[in-house]
N, C-alpha and C. Protein backbone atom coordinates (compact mmCIF):
# COMPACT_ATOMS: atom_id res chain seq x y z
N MET A 1 0.85 -1.18 0.00
CA MET A 1 0.00 0.00 0.00
C MET A 1 0.89 1.24 0.00
N ALA A 2 0.48 2.30 -0.68
CA ALA A 2 1.25 3.53 -0.76
C ALA A 2 1.25 4.24 0.58
N ASP A 3 2.38 4.89 0.88
CA ASP A 3 2.42 5.63 2.13
C ASP A 3 1.89 7.04 1.92
N LYS A 4 1.86 7.81 3.02
CA LYS A 4 1.26 9.14 2.97
C LYS A 4 2.01 10.07 2.02
N ALA A 5 3.35 9.95 1.94
CA ALA A 5 4.14 10.79 1.04
C ALA A 5 3.76 10.52 -0.41
N ASP A 6 3.55 9.25 -0.77
CA ASP A 6 3.14 8.91 -2.14
C ASP A 6 1.77 9.49 -2.45
N THR A 7 0.86 9.41 -1.52
CA THR A 7 -0.49 9.94 -1.71
C THR A 7 -0.45 11.45 -1.89
N THR A 8 0.34 12.13 -1.08
CA THR A 8 0.48 13.59 -1.20
C THR A 8 1.11 13.96 -2.52
N GLU A 9 2.12 13.22 -2.95
CA GLU A 9 2.78 13.48 -4.23
C GLU A 9 1.80 13.27 -5.38
N ASP A 10 0.98 12.23 -5.32
CA ASP A 10 -0.03 11.98 -6.35
C ASP A 10 -1.01 13.14 -6.44
N ALA A 11 -1.44 13.63 -5.28
CA ALA A 11 -2.39 14.74 -5.26
C ALA A 11 -1.77 16.00 -5.85
N ILE A 12 -0.50 16.25 -5.54
CA ILE A 12 0.19 17.42 -6.09
C ILE A 12 0.33 17.27 -7.60
N ASP A 13 0.71 16.08 -8.05
CA ASP A 13 0.84 15.84 -9.49
C ASP A 13 -0.49 16.06 -10.19
N PHE A 14 -1.58 15.58 -9.60
CA PHE A 14 -2.91 15.76 -10.18
C PHE A 14 -3.25 17.24 -10.25
N GLU A 15 -3.01 17.95 -9.16
CA GLU A 15 -3.33 19.38 -9.11
C GLU A 15 -2.52 20.16 -10.14
N LYS A 16 -1.24 19.82 -10.28
CA LYS A 16 -0.39 20.50 -11.27
C LYS A 16 -0.89 20.22 -12.69
N ALA A 17 -1.20 18.96 -12.96
CA ALA A 17 -1.68 18.58 -14.30
C ALA A 17 -3.00 19.26 -14.61
N LEU A 18 -3.89 19.31 -13.64
CA LEU A 18 -5.18 19.96 -13.85
C LEU A 18 -5.02 21.46 -14.07
N ALA A 19 -4.15 22.09 -13.30
CA ALA A 19 -3.91 23.54 -13.47
C ALA A 19 -3.32 23.82 -14.84
N GLU A 20 -2.37 22.99 -15.27
CA GLU A 20 -1.77 23.17 -16.59
C GLU A 20 -2.81 22.97 -17.69
N LEU A 21 -3.66 21.97 -17.52
CA LEU A 21 -4.72 21.71 -18.50
C LEU A 21 -5.69 22.90 -18.59
N GLU A 22 -6.07 23.43 -17.45
CA GLU A 22 -6.98 24.58 -17.44
C GLU A 22 -6.35 25.79 -18.13
N ALA A 23 -5.06 26.04 -17.86
CA ALA A 23 -4.36 27.16 -18.50
C ALA A 23 -4.27 26.94 -20.01
N LEU A 24 -4.03 25.71 -20.39
CA LEU A 24 -3.93 25.36 -21.81
C LEU A 24 -5.26 25.59 -22.52
N VAL A 25 -6.35 25.20 -21.88
CA VAL A 25 -7.68 25.39 -22.47
C VAL A 25 -7.97 26.88 -22.64
N GLU A 26 -7.66 27.68 -21.63
CA GLU A 26 -7.87 29.12 -21.73
C GLU A 26 -7.08 29.71 -22.88
N LYS A 27 -5.84 29.28 -23.01
CA LYS A 27 -4.97 29.77 -24.08
C LYS A 27 -5.54 29.40 -25.45
N MET A 28 -6.01 28.16 -25.58
CA MET A 28 -6.57 27.71 -26.85
C MET A 28 -7.89 28.42 -27.16
N GLU A 29 -8.69 28.66 -26.14
CA GLU A 29 -9.96 29.34 -26.36
C GLU A 29 -9.76 30.79 -26.77
N GLY A 30 -8.60 31.35 -26.44
CA GLY A 30 -8.29 32.72 -26.83
C GLY A 30 -8.21 32.91 -28.33
N GLY A 31 -7.92 31.82 -29.06
CA GLY A 31 -7.91 31.85 -30.51
C GLY A 31 -6.73 32.55 -31.14
N GLU A 32 -5.67 32.77 -30.39
CA GLU A 32 -4.52 33.49 -30.92
C GLU A 32 -3.35 32.58 -31.26
N LEU A 33 -3.54 31.28 -31.18
CA LEU A 33 -2.46 30.33 -31.48
C LEU A 33 -2.45 30.00 -32.97
N SER A 34 -1.25 29.74 -33.49
CA SER A 34 -1.16 29.27 -34.87
C SER A 34 -1.67 27.84 -34.93
N LEU A 35 -1.88 27.33 -36.12
CA LEU A 35 -2.36 25.96 -36.28
C LEU A 35 -1.38 24.98 -35.64
N GLU A 36 -0.11 25.18 -35.89
CA GLU A 36 0.91 24.28 -35.34
C GLU A 36 0.91 24.32 -33.80
N ASP A 37 0.84 25.53 -33.25
CA ASP A 37 0.80 25.67 -31.79
C ASP A 37 -0.49 25.08 -31.21
N SER A 38 -1.58 25.23 -31.94
CA SER A 38 -2.85 24.65 -31.50
C SER A 38 -2.78 23.13 -31.45
N LEU A 39 -2.18 22.53 -32.47
CA LEU A 39 -2.04 21.07 -32.50
C LEU A 39 -1.12 20.58 -31.39
N THR A 40 -0.03 21.30 -31.15
CA THR A 40 0.88 20.94 -30.07
C THR A 40 0.18 21.06 -28.72
N SER A 41 -0.58 22.13 -28.55
CA SER A 41 -1.33 22.33 -27.32
C SER A 41 -2.40 21.25 -27.14
N PHE A 42 -3.05 20.88 -28.23
CA PHE A 42 -4.07 19.83 -28.17
C PHE A 42 -3.44 18.51 -27.74
N GLU A 43 -2.29 18.17 -28.32
CA GLU A 43 -1.58 16.94 -27.93
C GLU A 43 -1.25 16.94 -26.45
N ARG A 44 -0.73 18.08 -25.96
CA ARG A 44 -0.38 18.19 -24.55
C ARG A 44 -1.64 18.06 -23.69
N GLY A 45 -2.73 18.66 -24.14
CA GLY A 45 -3.99 18.57 -23.41
C GLY A 45 -4.49 17.15 -23.29
N ILE A 46 -4.35 16.38 -24.36
CA ILE A 46 -4.76 14.96 -24.33
C ILE A 46 -3.91 14.21 -23.31
N ALA A 47 -2.60 14.45 -23.32
CA ALA A 47 -1.70 13.78 -22.37
C ALA A 47 -2.06 14.15 -20.93
N LEU A 48 -2.34 15.43 -20.69
CA LEU A 48 -2.71 15.87 -19.35
C LEU A 48 -4.04 15.27 -18.92
N THR A 49 -4.99 15.18 -19.84
CA THR A 49 -6.29 14.57 -19.53
C THR A 49 -6.11 13.12 -19.12
N ARG A 50 -5.30 12.40 -19.85
CA ARG A 50 -5.04 10.99 -19.51
C ARG A 50 -4.37 10.87 -18.15
N GLN A 51 -3.42 11.77 -17.87
CA GLN A 51 -2.73 11.75 -16.58
C GLN A 51 -3.73 11.99 -15.45
N CYS A 52 -4.62 12.95 -15.63
CA CYS A 52 -5.63 13.24 -14.61
C CYS A 52 -6.59 12.06 -14.43
N GLN A 53 -7.00 11.43 -15.54
CA GLN A 53 -7.90 10.29 -15.46
C GLN A 53 -7.24 9.13 -14.72
N GLN A 54 -5.96 8.91 -14.95
CA GLN A 54 -5.24 7.84 -14.26
C GLN A 54 -5.15 8.13 -12.77
N ALA A 55 -4.88 9.40 -12.43
CA ALA A 55 -4.79 9.77 -11.02
C ALA A 55 -6.14 9.59 -10.33
N LEU A 56 -7.21 9.98 -11.00
CA LEU A 56 -8.55 9.81 -10.42
C LEU A 56 -8.91 8.34 -10.27
N SER A 57 -8.53 7.53 -11.24
CA SER A 57 -8.80 6.10 -11.17
C SER A 57 -8.04 5.47 -10.00
N ALA A 58 -6.78 5.87 -9.82
CA ALA A 58 -5.98 5.35 -8.71
C ALA A 58 -6.59 5.77 -7.37
N ALA A 59 -7.06 7.01 -7.29
CA ALA A 59 -7.69 7.49 -6.06
C ALA A 59 -8.97 6.71 -5.78
N GLU A 60 -9.75 6.44 -6.82
CA GLU A 60 -10.98 5.68 -6.66
C GLU A 60 -10.69 4.27 -6.14
N GLN A 61 -9.64 3.65 -6.67
CA GLN A 61 -9.26 2.31 -6.20
C GLN A 61 -8.86 2.34 -4.74
N LYS A 62 -8.13 3.38 -4.33
CA LYS A 62 -7.71 3.50 -2.93
C LYS A 62 -8.93 3.65 -2.02
N VAL A 63 -9.90 4.45 -2.45
CA VAL A 63 -11.11 4.64 -1.67
C VAL A 63 -11.86 3.31 -1.54
N GLU A 64 -11.95 2.57 -2.62
CA GLU A 64 -12.64 1.28 -2.58
C GLU A 64 -11.94 0.31 -1.63
N ILE A 65 -10.61 0.32 -1.64
CA ILE A 65 -9.86 -0.54 -0.73
C ILE A 65 -10.10 -0.13 0.71
N LEU A 66 -10.04 1.18 0.96
CA LEU A 66 -10.21 1.67 2.33
C LEU A 66 -11.62 1.47 2.86
N THR A 67 -12.61 1.48 1.99
CA THR A 67 -13.99 1.29 2.44
C THR A 67 -14.43 -0.16 2.37
N GLY A 68 -13.55 -1.04 1.88
CA GLY A 68 -13.87 -2.46 1.83
C GLY A 68 -14.82 -2.86 0.75
N LYS A 69 -14.87 -2.11 -0.33
CA LYS A 69 -15.79 -2.41 -1.42
C LYS A 69 -15.07 -3.20 -2.51
N ASP A 70 -14.57 -4.35 -2.19
CA ASP A 70 -13.84 -5.18 -3.15
C ASP A 70 -14.72 -5.56 -4.32
N GLY A 71 -14.39 -5.01 -5.48
CA GLY A 71 -15.09 -5.37 -6.70
C GLY A 71 -16.47 -4.77 -6.85
N GLU A 72 -16.97 -4.11 -5.85
CA GLU A 72 -18.31 -3.53 -5.90
C GLU A 72 -18.21 -2.11 -6.46
N THR A 73 -19.05 -1.81 -7.44
CA THR A 73 -19.04 -0.46 -7.99
C THR A 73 -20.38 0.20 -7.76
N GLY A 74 -20.38 1.49 -7.87
CA GLY A 74 -21.62 2.24 -7.68
C GLY A 74 -21.50 3.18 -6.52
N VAL A 75 -22.50 4.02 -6.38
CA VAL A 75 -22.51 5.00 -5.32
C VAL A 75 -23.73 4.74 -4.45
N GLU A 76 -23.50 4.76 -3.18
CA GLU A 76 -24.61 4.57 -2.25
C GLU A 76 -25.15 5.93 -1.86
N ALA A 77 -26.44 6.02 -1.76
CA ALA A 77 -27.06 7.28 -1.35
C ALA A 77 -26.80 7.53 0.12
N PHE A 78 -26.58 8.78 0.46
CA PHE A 78 -26.37 9.17 1.84
C PHE A 78 -27.69 9.69 2.39
N GLU A 79 -28.11 9.14 3.51
CA GLU A 79 -29.31 9.61 4.16
C GLU A 79 -28.98 9.81 5.64
N SER A 80 -29.41 10.93 6.19
CA SER A 80 -29.17 11.15 7.61
C SER A 80 -30.08 10.24 8.42
N GLU A 81 -29.61 9.91 9.61
CA GLU A 81 -30.39 9.02 10.47
C GLU A 81 -31.60 9.72 11.06
N GLU A 82 -31.45 11.01 11.33
CA GLU A 82 -32.56 11.77 11.90
C GLU A 82 -33.02 12.82 10.90
N ARG A 83 -34.28 12.99 10.82
CA ARG A 83 -34.83 14.07 10.00
C ARG A 83 -35.68 14.93 10.92
N GLY A 84 -35.42 16.20 10.87
CA GLY A 84 -36.14 16.99 11.84
C GLY A 84 -36.79 18.18 11.36
């Protein structure tokens, strides 16, 4: 199992990748890039998207392990015990 330093590093990597992706999208939406720069930016955006998806998938697996949901998928509804 990963230790706390690995988990923190994964979160930082995810946050950095997401921030870079957001900046890249803003830059591309500005419409001032050449075709070549747009294609290069698009390629980088795809790579960052994949990196973020992998990080989210890894986090989801860790949550499933910690909650004991071996092989079970889905989301359970949260309901408070008392309604007042």
